[in-house]
Amino acid sequence: MSCRVSVCIPTFNGGKYIRRQMETILSQLEENDEVIISDDSSTDDTLSIIESFQDSRIKVFRDNTFHSPIFNMENALKQASGEYIFMADQDDVWMEGKVKSMLSVLGSYDLVVSDCTVVDENENVIQPSLFRKLNSGKGFMKNMIKNTYIGCCMAFKRDVLSYVLPFPTNIPMHDGWIAMSVEYRRKKIFFLDKPLILYRRHGSNSSTCSGPSSRSLRDKIMDRWNLLFSILKYSK
């Protein structure tokens, strides 16, 4: 039986939140779907919690030493076999109906990104809509200047993997690389104006898109340049 949905989750010491996230994901998947876990050498109980579900849909790839959320996600994507690829973080919460809502749009689009509600570590609401905060929307130059694509809110057709893998070595983050590669090829993108995850922000997050960044202006400019250079180099 073919796999319809692959959910790709890069993990690293995510034991505090991973059980809640896995419960909200697995409850929305069908029997022939899969959850791909790429673990970047966790030293806590992340893997034991995941294995405690004893669910055949979960496929764990362990003992990786990427030391990078970017290339840990790349590894997860490489293992995915589904027709539709969902990216997920280890510490968020999928709201009821997320998979159904995304799939209803993915039939007509190459990439879909949903809104999300930003919450703190205890799931208290910080920002009801990240779309509103970031003025999210498609557009190559718009997102080159300020990225509004959030990886854990994105899902896309399998064909996208054919031109985003492997990742270039110097991209600033994987969500921007994937989305901007789709944008550059003028593929069909849809921003679904509906919060479908609780996007948890806490002291251990890898990204800072919902709050102020500590990176210097020079670093931000270099990030944009590296992303643009990679797109122009590999999008032929």
Protein backbone atom coordinates (compact mmCIF):
# COMPACT_ATOMS: atom_id res chain seq x y z
CA MET A 1 0.00 0.00 0.00
CA SER A 2 1.43 3.38 -1.00
CA CYS A 3 2.17 6.07 1.57
CA ARG A 4 -0.01 9.16 1.34
CA VAL A 5 1.42 11.43 4.06
CA SER A 6 4.95 11.63 5.46
CA VAL A 7 5.45 13.78 8.55
CA CYS A 8 9.13 14.67 8.96
CA ILE A 9 10.39 15.59 12.44
CA PRO A 10 14.01 16.38 13.29
CA THR A 11 14.58 15.72 16.99
CA PHE A 12 17.25 16.65 19.50
CA ASN A 13 16.69 16.49 23.26
CA GLY A 14 12.99 17.13 22.81
CA GLY A 15 11.75 14.92 25.62
CA LYS A 16 9.89 17.72 27.38
CA TYR A 17 7.36 18.24 24.60
CA ILE A 18 7.64 15.35 22.12
CA ARG A 19 4.89 13.15 23.62
CA ARG A 20 2.26 15.88 23.26
CA GLN A 21 3.35 16.59 19.69
CA MET A 22 3.35 12.94 18.67
CA GLU A 23 -0.13 12.40 20.12
CA THR A 24 -1.59 15.27 18.12
CA ILE A 25 0.10 14.11 14.91
CA LEU A 26 -0.63 10.36 15.09
CA SER A 27 -4.31 10.95 15.86
CA GLN A 28 -4.71 12.62 12.45
CA LEU A 29 -2.88 10.09 10.28
CA GLU A 30 -4.22 7.09 8.42
CA GLU A 31 -2.93 3.54 8.63
CA ASN A 32 -0.62 3.83 5.61
CA ASP A 33 0.89 7.21 6.59
CA GLU A 34 4.28 7.58 8.25
CA VAL A 35 6.16 9.72 10.77
CA ILE A 36 9.86 10.05 9.99
CA ILE A 37 12.04 10.81 13.02
CA SER A 38 15.62 11.89 12.38
CA ASP A 39 17.35 12.14 15.75
CA ASP A 40 20.53 14.21 16.09
CA SER A 41 22.11 12.17 18.93
CA SER A 42 19.69 13.09 21.71
CA THR A 43 21.00 12.48 25.23
CA ASP A 44 17.63 12.74 27.01
CA ASP A 45 14.54 10.51 26.85
CA THR A 46 13.34 11.70 23.42
CA LEU A 47 13.74 8.34 21.69
CA SER A 48 12.36 6.25 24.53
CA ILE A 49 9.22 8.41 24.59
CA ILE A 50 8.80 8.04 20.82
CA GLU A 51 9.34 4.27 20.98
CA SER A 52 6.80 3.95 23.80
CA PHE A 53 4.02 4.63 21.29
CA GLN A 54 4.77 1.25 19.66
CA ASP A 55 3.23 2.54 16.44
CA SER A 56 4.36 0.95 13.18
CA ARG A 57 3.85 4.25 11.35
CA ILE A 58 6.82 5.74 13.23
CA LYS A 59 10.21 5.25 11.55
CA VAL A 60 13.22 6.32 13.62
CA PHE A 61 16.64 7.15 12.17
CA ARG A 62 19.02 7.48 15.09
CA ASP A 63 22.71 8.06 15.89
CA ASN A 64 23.06 11.03 13.53
CA THR A 65 25.69 13.66 14.27
CA PHE A 66 24.60 16.63 12.19
CA HIS A 67 24.56 19.10 15.10
CA SER A 68 22.24 21.12 12.87
CA PRO A 69 18.44 21.37 12.67
CA ILE A 70 18.81 22.14 8.95
CA PHE A 71 20.60 18.95 7.97
CA ASN A 72 18.70 16.89 10.49
CA MET A 73 15.52 17.93 8.64
CA GLU A 74 17.22 17.17 5.33
CA ASN A 75 17.87 13.63 6.52
CA ALA A 76 14.23 13.20 7.52
CA LEU A 77 13.06 14.45 4.11
CA LYS A 78 15.39 12.01 2.36
CA GLN A 79 13.70 9.10 4.15
CA ALA A 80 10.13 10.19 3.33
CA SER A 81 8.12 8.10 0.88
CA GLY A 82 4.78 9.90 0.98
CA GLU A 83 2.88 11.67 -1.76
CA TYR A 84 2.53 14.69 0.52
CA ILE A 85 5.31 15.88 2.85
CA PHE A 86 4.54 17.67 6.12
CA MET A 87 7.33 19.24 8.16
CA ALA A 88 6.98 19.41 11.94
CA ASP A 89 8.95 20.59 14.95
CA GLN A 90 9.41 18.42 18.02
CA ASP A 91 7.81 20.86 20.44
CA ASP A 92 4.63 22.17 18.79
CA VAL A 93 1.01 20.98 18.92
CA TRP A 94 -1.01 20.08 15.83
CA MET A 95 -4.55 21.40 16.08
CA GLU A 96 -7.45 19.12 15.23
CA GLY A 97 -8.11 19.00 11.49
CA LYS A 98 -4.66 20.17 10.39
CA VAL A 99 -3.95 17.27 8.04
CA LYS A 100 -7.44 17.31 6.52
CA SER A 101 -7.33 21.08 5.97
CA MET A 102 -3.88 21.01 4.36
CA LEU A 103 -4.68 18.05 2.12
CA SER A 104 -7.85 19.73 0.87
CA VAL A 105 -5.68 22.49 -0.62
CA LEU A 106 -2.59 20.49 -1.61
CA GLY A 107 -4.48 18.85 -4.43
CA SER A 108 -4.34 22.16 -6.31
CA TYR A 109 -1.06 23.64 -5.07
CA ASP A 110 2.59 22.59 -4.88
CA LEU A 111 3.19 24.07 -1.42
CA VAL A 112 0.80 25.17 1.30
CA VAL A 113 1.66 27.10 4.45
CA SER A 114 -0.87 27.57 7.22
CA ASP A 115 -1.19 30.20 9.89
CA CYS A 116 -0.37 29.28 13.49
CA THR A 117 -1.04 30.50 17.00
CA VAL A 118 2.12 31.38 18.92
CA VAL A 119 2.17 30.04 22.49
CA ASP A 120 4.62 29.90 25.36
CA GLU A 121 6.03 26.72 26.90
CA ASN A 122 2.76 26.17 28.80
CA GLU A 123 0.59 26.76 25.72
CA ASN A 124 -0.56 30.21 26.81
CA VAL A 125 -1.32 32.34 23.75
CA ILE A 126 1.31 34.96 22.90
CA GLN A 127 0.12 35.82 19.38
CA PRO A 128 -3.18 34.52 17.95
CA SER A 129 -1.95 34.78 14.37
CA LEU A 130 1.64 34.65 13.14
CA PHE A 131 0.39 35.63 9.68
CA ARG A 132 -0.78 38.95 11.10
CA LYS A 133 2.45 39.55 12.99
CA LEU A 134 4.71 38.81 10.01
CA ASN A 135 2.38 40.07 7.26
CA SER A 136 2.80 36.64 5.72
CA GLY A 137 2.25 35.99 2.05
CA LYS A 138 3.89 34.74 -1.11
CA GLY A 139 6.28 36.72 -3.29
CA PHE A 140 9.92 36.08 -4.08
CA MET A 141 11.32 39.54 -3.27
CA LYS A 142 8.99 40.00 -0.31
CA ASN A 143 10.29 36.83 1.33
CA MET A 144 13.88 37.41 0.27
CA ILE A 145 13.79 40.64 2.27
CA LYS A 146 11.92 39.11 5.22
CA ASN A 147 11.08 35.41 5.26
CA THR A 148 7.48 34.66 6.23
CA TYR A 149 7.65 30.93 5.51
CA ILE A 150 7.65 28.84 8.69
CA GLY A 151 8.78 25.25 8.14
CA CYS A 152 6.55 23.61 10.73
CA CYS A 153 3.52 25.22 9.04
CA MET A 154 4.45 23.95 5.57
CA ALA A 155 3.42 20.92 3.52
CA PHE A 156 4.17 20.19 -0.11
CA LYS A 157 3.88 17.68 -2.91
CA ARG A 158 6.58 15.07 -3.26
CA ASP A 159 7.82 16.58 -6.52
CA VAL A 160 9.27 19.50 -4.54
CA LEU A 161 11.90 17.14 -3.09
CA SER A 162 13.28 16.58 -6.59
CA TYR A 163 14.68 20.10 -6.70
CA VAL A 164 15.30 21.03 -3.05
CA LEU A 165 17.41 17.97 -2.14
CA PRO A 166 20.22 17.86 -1.35
CA PHE A 167 20.39 21.10 0.66
CA PRO A 168 23.22 23.52 -0.18
CA THR A 169 25.74 23.73 2.64
CA ASN A 170 25.40 27.45 3.39
CA ILE A 171 21.65 28.09 3.51
CA PRO A 172 20.51 30.03 6.62
CA MET A 173 17.46 27.79 7.28
CA HIS A 174 15.66 24.99 5.48
CA ASP A 175 12.17 26.53 5.37
CA GLY A 176 13.38 29.56 3.40
CA TRP A 177 15.38 27.36 1.02
CA ILE A 178 12.44 25.09 0.26
CA ALA A 179 9.84 27.83 -0.10
CA MET A 180 12.03 30.18 -2.13
CA SER A 181 13.02 27.34 -4.46
CA VAL A 182 9.31 26.77 -5.10
CA GLU A 183 8.77 30.52 -5.54
CA TYR A 184 11.67 30.84 -7.98
CA ARG A 185 10.19 28.15 -10.21
CA ARG A 186 6.83 29.96 -10.19
CA LYS A 187 5.07 26.95 -8.75
CA LYS A 188 1.66 27.25 -7.13
CA ILE A 189 1.72 28.34 -3.47
CA PHE A 190 -1.18 28.91 -1.11
CA PHE A 191 -1.23 30.68 2.27
CA LEU A 192 -4.03 29.06 4.27
CA ASP A 193 -5.39 31.76 6.56
CA LYS A 194 -6.23 29.41 9.40
CA PRO A 195 -4.14 28.60 12.50
CA LEU A 196 -3.46 24.86 12.42
CA ILE A 197 -0.71 24.47 15.01
CA LEU A 198 0.24 25.85 18.39
CA TYR A 199 3.72 27.18 17.65
CA ARG A 200 5.56 26.86 20.93
CA ARG A 201 8.25 29.42 21.72
CA HIS A 202 10.68 28.82 24.58
CA GLY A 203 14.33 29.22 25.43
CA SER A 204 15.51 26.22 23.39
CA ASN A 205 13.95 27.06 20.01
CA SER A 206 16.20 26.95 16.94
CA SER A 207 14.47 29.86 15.19
CA THR A 208 13.44 33.33 16.34
CA CYS A 209 10.89 34.23 13.67
CA SER A 210 8.15 35.14 16.15
CA GLY A 211 10.36 37.47 18.16
CA PRO A 212 13.32 39.81 17.82
CA SER A 213 16.51 38.34 16.37
CA SER A 214 19.90 38.78 18.00
CA ARG A 215 21.66 38.50 14.64
CA SER A 216 23.46 41.58 13.35
CA LEU A 217 22.39 43.42 10.19
CA ARG A 218 25.55 42.16 8.48
CA ASP A 219 24.69 38.56 9.35
CA LYS A 220 21.14 39.01 8.06
CA ILE A 221 22.41 40.45 4.78
CA MET A 222 24.84 37.55 4.40
CA ASP A 223 22.02 35.08 5.07
CA ARG A 224 19.96 36.61 2.25
CA TRP A 225 22.94 36.65 -0.08
CA ASN A 226 23.77 33.00 0.63
CA LEU A 227 20.15 31.99 0.06
CA LEU A 228 19.88 33.94 -3.19
CA PHE A 229 23.22 32.61 -4.42
CA SER A 230 22.17 29.03 -3.67
CA ILE A 231 18.83 29.45 -5.47
CA LEU A 232 20.46 30.93 -8.56
CA LYS A 233 23.19 28.28 -8.56
CA TYR A 234 21.03 25.20 -8.06
CA SER A 235 17.73 26.24 -9.69
CA LYS A 236 18.64 25.45 -13.28
